[in-house]
């Protein structure tokens, strides 16, 4: 029974968005604490929801979780860490140099690269600095969805390798002297991550083919980093027994088929399973019950929720298609179905005769697996970090070779090996994709919320820098923020699930977007059991918990589309039980 046998001091939970990493990490941390361990659970996700799950306000300093005896929690706050990082760099020279120079340095340190390295330093401290966690027996990490996590785990190796070989004195993060002082910590972090006696990485998956494939890919990439002490936990395993309910049968069939086709790469890993939990995993009592199956039938007969309007999916797309071109971005918490929704929207636009580019900013995106037979009007692409870094580096060196001698070019090549180069290259590729919306539709499947917010922050920081310096940035970069803020050009669709945490995260994302001057077009509540008419007791109990969050979503959006749960892994086609709710 999970989590028996979990003995290492550091435990990381990672996996595709929406597989239940946070629920599993929190329940595991609570279980370890109940066994007498002093446990710290830390979220490395920029869009952490530990506060909501535990019902305790958490910050960057470990805080005791209310209602527990041996459990503390903390969130790595990227913005707070970035402010502290900038002050470490600028503070010692403030008052010694002209104010204009100080402002210039602060602007240079205001981008996503600084935010990432600052949060990374806090992460490294928890692993490498014994004083940071000496009062705890175990440290559990609830990480961001896979792509962001792999980036985080690869940084100790990337920065350590860069610092070991570079002869530069500075980088986009300021003087390298400060980073050089961290070299020992980076190496210790790398050693502990790859030490099976110190660290266990738990791959969390749902009994779905795409989720298990993602776990297999993650295993391979972690092995390349030297991290091999892995365990697989399959969450939300469902077995209703004999039932006549068609939805329950279909759901059980999807689970069974996935479990019988686990990728070969995962078969040698220690494996545990956790039964489907019908309730909302919020609060300490729910976390204590999480590892136990068995749900009683609700006292009142279950009645599926009704839409407020009978409009079809096509009507929702009508609003997206106004203008004949532009950008459509699907955003939301990991695992809510952004990719499927993006594909569905793209295919509907193609049916109407529009040219469409379908792409993704998600490092772990799987668009090609979701798109069926091709169409001449549908172009499918992916922003591949490795390819974009190569293109960016070649462009920079080509331009620099006109005015630089060979020694200067050698230093520039060295600087371009910095891990920060990837952030810049991917950002520019994103700007180029948005720019293509001038003569077609560009449907962008974005990374999970936290990574997307960092991308939006980078956009605003980059825009401020362009305005301040009047630099020779490409036109696509200059126009990026104005295009994103133009509701006629860019339409943002927030995708969520009918559960409290995803709805609350969508609400926070909507608030963040509005502060950035971006007004969302509408919401989609995806995979709704309450809209499917299910009657089997476990799923009916789960469906009954969906009505409150769905009603809350209806009060938050201008246009709300409800999509019922479907057994299809391909996108749902038009006119198949879709419902749209318009709310004002």
Protein backbone atom coordinates (compact mmCIF):
# COMPACT_ATOMS: atom_id res chain seq x y z
CA UNK A 1 0.00 0.00 0.00
CA UNK A 2 1.40 3.38 -0.98
CA UNK A 3 3.45 5.04 0.54
CA UNK A 4 5.01 2.05 2.37
CA UNK A 5 8.69 1.66 1.51
CA UNK A 6 9.28 5.33 0.75
CA UNK A 7 12.47 5.84 2.76
CA UNK A 8 14.61 8.58 1.16
CA UNK A 9 14.92 12.02 2.73
CA UNK A 10 13.91 13.85 -0.46
CA UNK A 11 10.83 12.84 -2.46
CA UNK A 12 9.80 14.52 -5.71
CA UNK A 13 6.38 14.12 -7.31
CA UNK A 14 6.23 14.82 -11.03
CA UNK A 15 4.07 13.95 -14.02
CA UNK A 16 1.76 15.25 -16.68
CA UNK A 17 -0.61 18.00 -15.58
CA UNK A 18 -3.83 16.89 -13.91
CA UNK A 19 -2.67 13.45 -12.78
CA UNK A 20 -3.07 14.33 -9.11
CA UNK A 21 0.52 15.19 -8.16
CA UNK A 22 -0.52 17.73 -5.56
CA UNK A 23 -3.16 15.48 -4.00
CA UNK A 24 -0.74 12.55 -3.88
CA UNK A 25 2.17 14.65 -2.59
CA UNK A 26 0.04 16.24 0.13
CA UNK A 27 -1.53 12.93 1.20
CA UNK A 28 1.90 11.27 1.25
CA UNK A 29 3.44 14.09 3.29
CA UNK A 30 0.56 13.85 5.77
CA UNK A 31 0.94 10.06 6.00
CA UNK A 32 4.69 10.36 6.64
CA UNK A 33 3.98 12.98 9.32
CA UNK A 34 1.40 10.73 10.96
CA UNK A 35 4.11 8.07 11.24
CA UNK A 36 6.17 10.36 13.46
CA UNK A 37 8.38 12.11 10.88
CA UNK A 38 8.84 15.86 10.90
CA UNK A 39 7.91 16.63 7.29
CA UNK A 40 8.24 19.71 5.09
CA UNK A 41 6.22 19.82 1.86
CA UNK A 42 7.36 22.42 -0.68
CA UNK A 43 5.75 23.45 -3.94
CA UNK A 44 8.06 24.45 -6.79
CA UNK A 45 5.08 25.28 -9.03
CA UNK A 46 4.70 29.02 -9.77
CA UNK A 47 0.93 28.34 -9.65
CA UNK A 48 1.00 26.38 -6.40
CA UNK A 49 -2.28 25.48 -4.69
CA UNK A 50 -0.91 23.95 -1.48
CA UNK A 51 -2.66 26.73 0.46
CA UNK A 52 -6.07 25.67 -0.79
CA UNK A 53 -5.49 21.94 -0.33
CA UNK A 54 -4.30 22.33 3.27
CA UNK A 55 -6.46 25.30 4.19
CA UNK A 56 -3.38 27.14 5.46
CA UNK A 57 -1.78 30.34 4.15
CA UNK A 58 1.75 29.43 3.10
CA UNK A 59 4.73 31.54 2.08
CA UNK A 60 8.41 30.97 1.42
CA UNK A 61 9.09 30.27 5.12
CA UNK A 62 7.97 26.83 6.41
CA UNK A 63 4.60 27.14 8.18
CA UNK A 64 2.92 24.50 10.32
CA UNK A 65 -0.10 23.01 8.59
CA UNK A 66 -3.27 23.56 10.62
CA UNK A 67 -4.79 20.37 12.01
CA UNK A 68 -1.57 18.34 11.86
CA UNK A 69 1.15 17.55 14.35
CA UNK A 70 4.36 17.09 12.34
CA UNK A 71 3.72 18.75 8.98
CA UNK A 72 4.96 22.08 7.63
CA UNK A 73 4.47 23.62 4.18
CA UNK A 74 6.06 26.29 1.99
CA UNK A 75 5.75 27.73 -1.51
CA UNK A 76 8.76 28.85 -3.52
CA UNK A 77 7.67 32.33 -4.56
CA UNK A 78 9.45 33.19 -7.85
CA UNK A 79 8.71 36.92 -7.67
CA UNK A 80 9.85 37.26 -4.05
CA UNK A 81 12.99 35.27 -4.84
CA UNK A 82 13.67 37.45 -7.89
CA UNK A 83 13.39 40.64 -5.82
CA UNK A 84 15.83 39.25 -3.27
CA UNK A 85 18.19 38.12 -6.05
CA UNK A 86 18.17 41.58 -7.68
CA UNK A 87 18.88 43.19 -4.33
CA UNK A 88 21.86 40.85 -3.75
CA UNK A 89 23.32 41.98 -7.09
CA UNK A 90 22.42 45.68 -6.98
CA UNK A 91 22.34 46.39 -3.24
CA UNK A 92 26.13 46.53 -2.65
CA UNK A 93 26.59 49.18 -5.35
CA UNK A 94 23.48 51.28 -4.71
CA UNK A 95 24.64 54.79 -3.78
CA UNK A 96 28.08 54.17 -5.30
CA UNK A 97 27.02 54.48 -8.94
CA UNK A 98 24.73 57.01 -10.66
CA UNK A 99 20.98 56.32 -10.28
CA UNK A 100 20.62 55.89 -14.06
CA UNK A 101 23.15 53.04 -14.00
CA UNK A 102 21.34 51.35 -11.10
CA UNK A 103 17.98 51.65 -12.91
CA UNK A 104 19.55 50.12 -16.01
CA UNK A 105 20.86 47.15 -14.02
CA UNK A 106 17.47 46.64 -12.34
CA UNK A 107 15.76 46.63 -15.74
CA UNK A 108 18.26 44.09 -17.06
CA UNK A 109 17.50 41.86 -14.07
CA UNK A 110 13.70 42.11 -14.45
CA UNK A 111 13.17 39.32 -16.98
CA UNK A 112 12.15 35.68 -16.80
CA UNK A 113 15.78 34.51 -16.67
CA UNK A 114 16.29 36.27 -13.34
CA UNK A 115 12.99 34.92 -11.99
CA UNK A 116 13.96 31.38 -12.94
CA UNK A 117 17.48 31.43 -11.50
CA UNK A 118 16.27 33.09 -8.30
CA UNK A 119 13.59 30.45 -7.72
CA UNK A 120 16.12 27.82 -8.70
CA UNK A 121 18.56 29.06 -6.04
CA UNK A 122 15.84 28.65 -3.41
CA UNK A 123 15.17 25.12 -4.66
CA UNK A 124 18.88 24.25 -4.58
CA UNK A 125 19.18 25.56 -1.03
CA UNK A 126 16.52 23.10 0.17
CA UNK A 127 18.52 20.19 -1.25
CA UNK A 128 22.13 21.27 -0.83
CA UNK A 129 22.18 23.47 2.29
CA UNK A 130 21.85 21.31 5.43
CA UNK A 131 20.95 24.34 7.55
CA UNK A 132 17.86 25.09 5.41
CA UNK A 133 15.98 21.91 6.36
CA UNK A 134 17.89 20.49 9.31
CA UNK A 135 14.80 20.55 11.55
CA UNK A 136 12.94 18.17 9.20
CA UNK A 137 13.29 14.42 8.72
CA UNK A 138 11.72 14.38 5.24
CA UNK A 139 11.26 16.95 2.47
CA UNK A 140 8.49 16.35 -0.10
CA UNK A 141 8.47 18.39 -3.32
CA UNK A 142 5.22 19.01 -5.17
CA UNK A 143 6.51 20.06 -8.57
CA UNK A 144 5.12 21.86 -11.60
CA UNK A 145 3.88 19.71 -14.52
CA UNK A 146 6.48 17.63 -16.30
CA UNK A 147 8.06 20.01 -18.80
CA UNK A 148 8.75 22.70 -16.20
CA UNK A 149 9.95 20.11 -13.69
CA UNK A 150 12.45 18.59 -16.11
CA UNK A 151 13.73 22.08 -16.79
CA UNK A 152 14.12 22.65 -13.03
CA UNK A 153 15.88 19.33 -12.41
CA UNK A 154 18.23 19.85 -15.35
CA UNK A 155 19.39 23.27 -14.16
CA UNK A 156 21.90 22.01 -11.54
CA UNK A 157 23.73 20.17 -14.32
CA UNK A 158 23.33 22.97 -16.88
CA UNK A 159 24.55 25.78 -14.62
CA UNK A 160 27.30 23.67 -13.05
CA UNK A 161 28.61 22.72 -16.48
CA UNK A 162 28.40 26.30 -17.73
CA UNK A 163 30.23 27.73 -14.71
CA UNK A 164 32.92 25.05 -14.93
CA UNK A 165 33.86 26.02 -18.48
CA UNK A 166 33.00 29.71 -18.95
CA UNK A 167 35.66 32.43 -18.85
CA UNK A 168 33.11 35.28 -18.97
CA UNK A 169 32.75 37.70 -16.08
CA UNK A 170 29.04 38.42 -16.52
CA UNK A 171 25.82 37.10 -18.01
CA UNK A 172 22.22 38.20 -18.44
CA UNK A 173 21.91 37.48 -14.72
CA UNK A 174 24.55 40.00 -13.73
CA UNK A 175 28.15 39.36 -12.59
CA UNK A 176 29.06 35.69 -12.67
CA UNK A 177 30.98 36.03 -9.42
CA UNK A 178 27.68 35.58 -7.59
CA UNK A 179 26.84 32.48 -9.59
CA UNK A 180 30.36 31.09 -9.17
CA UNK A 181 29.84 31.21 -5.40
CA UNK A 182 26.87 28.90 -5.91
CA UNK A 183 28.87 26.34 -7.90
CA UNK A 184 29.42 24.08 -4.90
CA UNK A 185 25.71 24.15 -4.03
CA UNK A 186 24.78 23.29 -7.63
CA UNK A 187 27.10 20.29 -7.61
CA UNK A 188 25.78 19.09 -4.23
CA UNK A 189 22.22 19.42 -5.53
CA UNK A 190 23.07 17.40 -8.63
CA UNK A 191 24.78 14.71 -6.54
CA UNK A 192 21.81 14.40 -4.18
CA UNK A 193 19.24 14.31 -6.96
CA UNK A 194 21.09 11.39 -8.54
CA UNK A 195 21.79 9.58 -5.25
CA UNK A 196 19.23 6.75 -4.78
CA UNK A 197 19.91 6.80 -1.06
CA UNK A 198 18.95 10.47 -0.82
CA UNK A 199 16.23 11.12 -3.42
CA UNK A 200 13.23 9.32 -4.86
CA UNK A 201 11.37 10.71 -7.86
CA UNK A 202 7.76 9.56 -7.99
CA UNK A 203 6.28 9.50 -11.49
CA UNK A 204 2.55 10.08 -11.09
CA UNK A 205 0.22 8.99 -13.89
CA UNK A 206 -3.44 8.36 -14.41
CA UNK A 207 -4.65 5.12 -16.02
CA UNK A 208 -4.73 6.84 -19.42
CA UNK A 209 -2.50 6.07 -22.38
CA UNK A 210 -1.28 9.65 -22.86
CA UNK A 211 -0.45 10.02 -19.17
CA UNK A 212 1.52 6.76 -19.06
CA UNK A 213 3.39 7.67 -22.26
CA UNK A 214 4.35 10.96 -20.65
CA UNK A 215 5.64 9.08 -17.59
CA UNK A 216 7.76 6.87 -19.85
CA UNK A 217 9.22 9.91 -21.63
CA UNK A 218 9.97 11.53 -18.28
CA UNK A 219 11.76 8.38 -17.09
CA UNK A 220 14.04 8.51 -20.13
CA UNK A 221 14.85 12.19 -19.69
CA UNK A 222 15.53 11.79 -15.98
CA UNK A 223 17.84 8.86 -16.71
CA UNK A 224 19.78 11.13 -19.08
CA UNK A 225 20.27 13.48 -16.11
CA UNK A 226 21.54 10.59 -13.98
CA UNK A 227 18.34 10.39 -11.91
CA UNK A 228 17.28 6.74 -11.79
CA UNK A 229 15.69 6.12 -8.39
CA UNK A 230 12.13 6.25 -9.68
CA UNK A 231 8.77 4.85 -8.62
CA UNK A 232 5.51 4.84 -10.56
CA UNK A 233 2.18 5.59 -8.91
CA UNK A 234 -0.96 5.17 -11.02
CA UNK A 235 -3.61 7.44 -9.53
CA UNK A 236 -7.42 7.28 -9.84
CA UNK A 237 -7.70 3.59 -10.76
CA UNK A 238 -11.40 2.83 -11.26
CA UNK A 239 -13.16 -0.52 -11.05
CA UNK A 240 -16.94 -0.26 -10.52
CA UNK A 241 -17.59 -4.00 -10.73
CA UNK A 242 -20.74 -5.14 -12.57
CA UNK A 243 -22.69 -2.12 -13.80
CA UNK A 244 -25.21 -1.28 -16.49
CA UNK A 245 -24.31 2.41 -16.61
CA UNK A 246 -22.85 3.17 -20.08
CA UNK A 247 -20.65 6.03 -18.87
CA UNK A 248 -19.21 3.90 -16.06
CA UNK A 249 -18.58 1.05 -18.49
CA UNK A 250 -16.80 3.36 -20.91
CA UNK A 251 -14.71 4.93 -18.14
CA UNK A 252 -13.74 1.53 -16.71
CA UNK A 253 -12.83 0.34 -20.20
CA UNK A 254 -10.47 3.28 -20.73
CA UNK A 255 -8.78 2.52 -17.39
CA UNK A 256 -8.45 -1.20 -18.08
CA UNK A 257 -7.07 -0.69 -21.60
CA UNK A 258 -4.48 1.79 -20.35
CA UNK A 259 -3.31 -0.51 -17.55
CA UNK A 260 -2.90 -3.36 -20.03
CA UNK A 261 -0.75 -1.24 -22.33
CA UNK A 262 1.75 0.33 -19.91
CA UNK A 263 4.89 1.32 -21.86
CA UNK A 264 7.68 -1.24 -21.60
CA UNK A 265 10.02 1.38 -20.14
CA UNK A 266 7.85 1.58 -17.01
CA UNK A 267 7.43 -2.13 -16.36
CA UNK A 268 10.64 -2.48 -14.34
CA UNK A 269 9.80 0.37 -11.96
CA UNK A 270 8.30 -0.27 -8.52
CA UNK A 271 4.61 0.42 -9.06
CA UNK A 272 1.69 1.31 -6.79
CA UNK A 273 -1.89 2.24 -7.52
CA UNK A 274 -4.34 4.54 -5.76
CA UNK A 275 -8.10 4.09 -6.24
CA UNK A 276 -10.28 6.84 -7.69
CA UNK A 277 -11.31 9.27 -4.97
CA UNK A 278 -14.82 10.53 -5.64
CA UNK A 279 -14.65 13.65 -3.50
CA UNK A 280 -12.74 16.89 -3.82
CA UNK A 281 -9.28 16.50 -2.30
CA UNK A 282 -9.32 19.67 -0.23
CA UNK A 283 -8.67 19.76 3.52
CA UNK A 284 -6.82 17.49 5.94
CA UNK A 285 -9.77 15.05 6.45
CA UNK A 286 -10.03 14.49 2.68
CA UNK A 287 -6.26 13.93 2.46
CA UNK A 288 -6.43 11.33 5.24
CA UNK A 289 -9.13 9.48 3.28
CA UNK A 290 -7.41 9.83 -0.08
CA UNK A 291 -5.63 6.46 -0.10
CA UNK A 292 -8.80 4.56 0.79
CA UNK A 293 -11.49 3.48 -1.67
CA UNK A 294 -15.19 3.09 -1.04
CA UNK A 295 -17.85 5.73 -1.59
CA UNK A 296 -21.43 5.47 -0.42
CA UNK A 297 -24.35 6.50 -2.62
CA UNK A 298 -25.45 10.08 -1.96
CA UNK A 299 -28.57 10.28 0.23
CA UNK A 300 -30.50 12.26 -2.36
CA UNK A 301 -30.92 10.95 -5.87
CA UNK A 302 -28.30 12.36 -8.15
CA UNK A 303 -29.57 14.82 -10.74
CA UNK A 304 -27.20 16.05 -13.45
CA UNK A 305 -26.79 19.79 -13.78
CA UNK A 306 -28.56 21.57 -16.61
CA UNK A 307 -27.13 24.17 -18.95
CA UNK A 308 -28.68 27.63 -18.92
CA UNK A 309 -28.79 27.65 -22.72
CA UNK A 310 -28.96 25.08 -25.50
CA UNK A 311 -26.33 26.72 -27.71
CA UNK A 312 -23.92 24.34 -29.46
CA UNK A 313 -20.13 24.28 -29.64
CA UNK A 314 -20.28 25.86 -33.07
CA UNK A 315 -21.73 29.04 -31.56
CA UNK A 316 -18.75 29.29 -29.21
CA UNK A 317 -16.41 28.98 -32.20
CA UNK A 318 -18.44 31.60 -34.09
CA UNK A 319 -17.20 34.17 -31.58
CA UNK A 320 -13.62 32.94 -31.89
CA UNK A 321 -13.77 33.09 -35.69
CA UNK A 322 -14.94 36.70 -35.93
CA UNK A 323 -12.47 38.71 -37.97
CA UNK A 324 -11.25 35.79 -40.09
CA UNK A 325 -7.75 35.61 -38.53
CA UNK A 326 -5.93 36.11 -35.25
CA UNK A 327 -4.62 34.19 -32.25
CA UNK A 328 -6.57 31.79 -30.01
CA UNK A 329 -4.81 30.65 -26.84
CA UNK A 330 -6.00 27.85 -24.54
CA UNK A 331 -4.79 28.34 -20.97
CA UNK A 332 -5.34 26.67 -17.61
CA UNK A 333 -4.09 24.32 -14.93
CA UNK A 334 -2.19 21.25 -16.11
CA UNK A 335 -4.34 18.28 -17.07
CA UNK A 336 -7.59 20.14 -17.73
CA UNK A 337 -7.57 19.22 -21.41
CA UNK A 338 -6.11 22.36 -23.01
CA UNK A 339 -4.51 20.34 -25.79
CA UNK A 340 -7.69 18.48 -26.73
CA UNK A 341 -9.67 21.72 -26.68
CA UNK A 342 -7.04 23.49 -28.83
CA UNK A 343 -7.15 20.67 -31.38
CA UNK A 344 -10.95 20.68 -31.40
CA UNK A 345 -11.08 24.44 -32.02
CA UNK A 346 -8.45 24.20 -34.76
CA UNK A 347 -10.30 21.41 -36.54
CA UNK A 348 -13.58 23.30 -36.36
CA UNK A 349 -11.94 26.37 -37.91
CA UNK A 350 -10.44 24.23 -40.69
CA UNK A 351 -13.90 22.77 -41.42
CA UNK A 352 -15.05 26.32 -42.02
CA UNK A 353 -12.35 26.86 -44.64
CA UNK A 354 -9.86 28.84 -42.54
CA UNK A 355 -6.09 28.41 -42.65
CA UNK A 356 -4.87 27.37 -39.20
CA UNK A 357 -1.50 27.00 -37.48
CA UNK A 358 -1.81 24.79 -34.39
CA UNK A 359 1.18 25.01 -32.06
CA UNK A 360 2.19 24.67 -28.41
CA UNK A 361 4.41 26.46 -25.88
CA UNK A 362 4.31 23.46 -23.52
CA UNK A 363 7.74 21.78 -23.11
CA UNK A 364 5.82 18.50 -22.68
CA UNK A 365 3.22 19.19 -25.38
CA UNK A 366 1.82 16.26 -27.38
CA UNK A 367 -0.12 17.91 -30.20
CA UNK A 368 0.96 15.42 -32.84
CA UNK A 369 -0.58 12.58 -30.83
CA UNK A 370 -3.93 14.38 -30.66
CA UNK A 371 -4.34 15.44 -34.28
CA UNK A 372 -5.89 12.94 -36.67
CA UNK A 373 -5.77 12.93 -40.46
CA UNK A 374 -4.06 16.03 -41.82
CA UNK A 375 -5.66 18.78 -43.87
CA UNK A 376 -3.97 21.15 -46.30
CA UNK A 377 -5.28 24.13 -44.33
CA UNK A 378 -4.00 22.79 -40.98
CA UNK A 379 -0.33 23.24 -40.08
CA UNK A 380 0.82 21.57 -36.86
CA UNK A 381 4.03 22.76 -35.19
CA UNK A 382 5.79 22.69 -31.84
CA UNK A 383 8.13 25.22 -30.31
CA UNK A 384 11.10 22.89 -29.75
CA UNK A 385 13.58 24.49 -27.30
CA UNK A 386 16.63 22.73 -28.79
CA UNK A 387 15.79 23.84 -32.34
CA UNK A 388 14.95 27.38 -31.24
CA UNK A 389 18.22 27.73 -29.30
CA UNK A 390 20.20 26.64 -32.35
CA UNK A 391 18.33 29.08 -34.64
CA UNK A 392 18.70 31.93 -32.16
CA UNK A 393 22.41 31.33 -31.57
CA UNK A 394 23.11 31.13 -35.31
CA UNK A 395 21.24 34.40 -35.92
CA UNK A 396 23.06 36.22 -33.10
CA UNK A 397 26.49 34.99 -34.22
CA UNK A 398 25.77 35.80 -37.87
CA UNK A 399 24.89 39.39 -37.00
CA UNK A 400 27.79 39.76 -34.56
CA UNK A 401 30.37 38.42 -37.01
CA UNK A 402 30.08 41.62 -39.05
CA UNK A 403 31.54 43.78 -36.27
CA UNK A 404 33.32 41.42 -33.84
CA UNK A 405 36.79 39.88 -34.03
CA UNK A 406 37.35 36.17 -33.36
CA UNK A 407 38.16 36.64 -29.66
CA UNK A 408 34.93 38.55 -29.08
CA UNK A 409 32.95 35.96 -31.03
CA UNK A 410 34.46 33.20 -28.88
CA UNK A 411 33.22 34.98 -25.74
CA UNK A 412 29.78 35.44 -27.32
CA UNK A 413 29.57 31.72 -28.20
CA UNK A 414 30.42 30.94 -24.60
CA UNK A 415 27.71 33.27 -23.30
CA UNK A 416 25.15 31.68 -25.63
CA UNK A 417 25.70 28.36 -23.86
CA UNK A 418 24.06 29.81 -20.76
CA UNK A 419 20.75 28.10 -19.83
CA UNK A 420 19.16 31.56 -20.09
CA UNK A 421 19.55 31.43 -23.87
CA UNK A 422 16.77 28.86 -24.05
CA UNK A 423 14.31 31.22 -22.37
CA UNK A 424 15.09 34.00 -24.84
CA UNK A 425 14.95 31.69 -27.86
CA UNK A 426 11.60 30.17 -26.88
CA UNK A 427 10.19 33.61 -26.14
CA UNK A 428 11.12 34.85 -29.61
CA UNK A 429 9.62 31.74 -31.21
CA UNK A 430 6.39 32.45 -29.31
CA UNK A 431 6.40 36.03 -30.62
CA UNK A 432 6.94 34.74 -34.18
CA UNK A 433 3.99 32.34 -33.82
CA UNK A 434 1.71 35.13 -32.60
CA UNK A 435 2.79 37.33 -35.52
CA UNK A 436 1.55 34.73 -37.99
CA UNK A 437 -2.01 35.46 -36.85
CA UNK A 438 -2.14 38.43 -39.22
CA UNK A 439 -3.26 36.26 -42.18
CA UNK A 440 -4.57 33.04 -40.56
CA UNK A 441 -5.71 31.62 -37.24
CA UNK A 442 -2.95 30.62 -34.85
CA UNK A 443 -4.25 28.28 -32.13
CA UNK A 444 -1.73 28.05 -29.29
CA UNK A 445 -1.90 25.28 -26.69
CA UNK A 446 -0.04 26.91 -23.80
CA UNK A 447 2.01 25.38 -21.02
CA UNK A 448 0.30 24.84 -17.64
CA UNK A 449 -0.61 27.97 -15.70
CA UNK A 450 2.60 28.66 -13.79
CA UNK A 451 4.82 28.44 -16.85
CA UNK A 452 2.35 30.54 -18.84
CA UNK A 453 2.37 33.28 -16.21
CA UNK A 454 6.17 33.41 -16.40
CA UNK A 455 5.87 33.70 -20.18
CA UNK A 456 3.41 36.60 -19.80
CA UNK A 457 5.75 38.25 -17.29
CA UNK A 458 8.62 37.87 -19.75
CA UNK A 459 6.47 39.45 -22.46
CA UNK A 460 5.81 42.54 -20.36
CA UNK A 461 9.44 42.81 -19.19
CA UNK A 462 10.71 42.45 -22.74
CA UNK A 463 8.21 45.04 -23.97
CA UNK A 464 9.33 47.54 -21.32
CA UNK A 465 12.95 46.97 -22.30
CA UNK A 466 12.18 47.54 -26.00
CA UNK A 467 10.36 50.81 -25.22
CA UNK A 468 13.13 51.97 -22.90
CA UNK A 469 16.06 51.25 -25.21
CA UNK A 470 14.42 51.53 -28.64
CA UNK A 471 16.43 48.39 -29.40
CA UNK A 472 16.56 46.62 -32.74
CA UNK A 473 14.34 43.78 -31.51
CA UNK A 474 12.42 42.00 -34.28
CA UNK A 475 9.05 43.48 -35.18
CA UNK A 476 7.32 40.33 -33.89
CA UNK A 477 8.77 41.02 -30.43
CA UNK A 478 7.94 44.73 -30.56
CA UNK A 479 4.32 44.01 -31.46
CA UNK A 480 3.83 41.00 -29.16
CA UNK A 481 2.27 42.66 -26.11
CA UNK A 482 0.02 45.01 -28.12
CA UNK A 483 -1.23 42.02 -30.11
CA UNK A 484 -1.92 39.98 -26.96
CA UNK A 485 -3.82 42.92 -25.47
CA UNK A 486 -5.96 43.43 -28.58
CA UNK A 487 -9.22 41.46 -28.02
CA UNK A 488 -9.92 41.58 -31.76
CA UNK A 489 -6.58 39.91 -32.52
CA UNK A 490 -6.08 37.56 -29.51
CA UNK A 491 -8.81 35.53 -27.84
CA UNK A 492 -7.89 33.64 -24.67
CA UNK A 493 -9.93 30.57 -23.71
CA UNK A 494 -9.53 29.42 -20.09
CA UNK A 495 -9.98 25.67 -19.78
CA UNK A 496 -10.87 24.15 -16.42
CA UNK A 497 -12.45 21.11 -14.79
CA UNK A 498 -15.61 21.07 -12.65
CA UNK A 499 -13.56 20.89 -9.46
CA UNK A 500 -12.75 23.60 -6.88
CA UNK A 501 -8.99 23.87 -7.37
CA UNK A 502 -8.97 24.10 -11.20
CA UNK A 503 -11.83 26.63 -11.11
CA UNK A 504 -10.05 28.74 -8.49
CA UNK A 505 -6.81 28.57 -10.45
CA UNK A 506 -8.66 29.65 -13.60
CA UNK A 507 -10.12 32.57 -11.64
CA UNK A 508 -6.63 33.60 -10.47
CA UNK A 509 -5.28 33.28 -14.01
CA UNK A 510 -8.13 35.45 -15.29
CA UNK A 511 -7.24 38.08 -12.68
CA UNK A 512 -3.55 37.93 -13.65
CA UNK A 513 -4.42 38.30 -17.33
CA UNK A 514 -6.67 41.27 -16.65
CA UNK A 515 -3.90 42.99 -14.69
CA UNK A 516 -1.69 42.46 -17.75
CA UNK A 517 -4.35 44.09 -19.93
CA UNK A 518 -5.61 40.84 -21.45
CA UNK A 519 -9.35 40.15 -21.23
CA UNK A 520 -10.24 36.43 -21.60
CA UNK A 521 -12.78 35.57 -24.30
CA UNK A 522 -14.48 32.74 -22.37
CA UNK A 523 -14.21 29.56 -20.32
CA UNK A 524 -14.59 25.87 -21.08
CA UNK A 525 -15.52 23.47 -18.27
CA UNK A 526 -14.15 20.19 -19.58
CA UNK A 527 -14.76 16.49 -18.78
CA UNK A 528 -17.94 17.01 -16.83
CA UNK A 529 -19.48 13.85 -15.38
CA UNK A 530 -22.46 15.88 -14.22
CA UNK A 531 -23.18 16.70 -17.87
CA UNK A 532 -22.89 13.04 -18.91
CA UNK A 533 -25.92 11.68 -17.03
CA UNK A 534 -23.89 9.05 -15.14
CA UNK A 535 -25.70 7.08 -12.40
CA UNK A 536 -23.05 4.57 -11.17
CA UNK A 537 -22.53 5.39 -7.44
CA UNK A 538 -18.82 6.31 -7.41
CA UNK A 539 -18.99 8.47 -10.52
CA UNK A 540 -22.39 9.85 -9.50
CA UNK A 541 -20.87 10.92 -6.19
CA UNK A 542 -18.02 12.54 -8.09
CA UNK A 543 -20.53 14.25 -10.41
CA UNK A 544 -22.53 15.61 -7.50
CA UNK A 545 -19.37 17.40 -6.30
CA UNK A 546 -19.08 19.14 -9.68
CA UNK A 547 -22.23 21.24 -9.49
CA UNK A 548 -20.87 23.81 -7.02
CA UNK A 549 -17.62 24.51 -8.93
CA UNK A 550 -19.54 24.65 -12.24
CA UNK A 551 -22.00 27.17 -10.80
CA UNK A 552 -19.04 29.21 -9.52
CA UNK A 553 -17.46 29.17 -12.98
CA UNK A 554 -20.73 30.45 -14.45
CA UNK A 555 -20.44 33.58 -12.31
CA UNK A 556 -16.89 34.28 -13.44
CA UNK A 557 -17.06 34.16 -17.23
CA UNK A 558 -18.70 35.98 -20.11
CA UNK A 559 -19.12 32.78 -22.15
CA UNK A 560 -19.02 29.29 -20.68
CA UNK A 561 -18.92 26.04 -22.61
CA UNK A 562 -19.52 22.74 -20.80
CA UNK A 563 -18.12 19.57 -22.36
CA UNK A 564 -19.18 16.19 -20.92
CA UNK A 565 -16.67 13.46 -20.14
CA UNK A 566 -16.00 11.34 -23.21
CA UNK A 567 -14.18 8.05 -23.61
CA UNK A 568 -12.60 9.25 -26.84
CA UNK A 569 -8.94 10.15 -26.72
CA UNK A 570 -9.38 12.03 -29.98
CA UNK A 571 -11.03 15.46 -29.84
CA UNK A 572 -14.81 15.52 -29.42
CA UNK A 573 -16.49 16.35 -32.72
CA UNK A 574 -19.09 19.00 -33.26
CA UNK A 575 -22.72 18.44 -32.18
CA UNK A 576 -21.86 15.65 -29.71
CA UNK A 577 -23.61 16.60 -26.44
CA UNK A 578 -21.92 19.98 -26.15
CA UNK A 579 -23.49 22.73 -24.08
CA UNK A 580 -22.71 26.43 -23.96
CA UNK A 581 -23.71 28.66 -21.10
CA UNK A 582 -23.68 32.40 -21.60
CA UNK A 583 -23.33 34.25 -18.34
CA UNK A 584 -23.08 37.88 -17.57
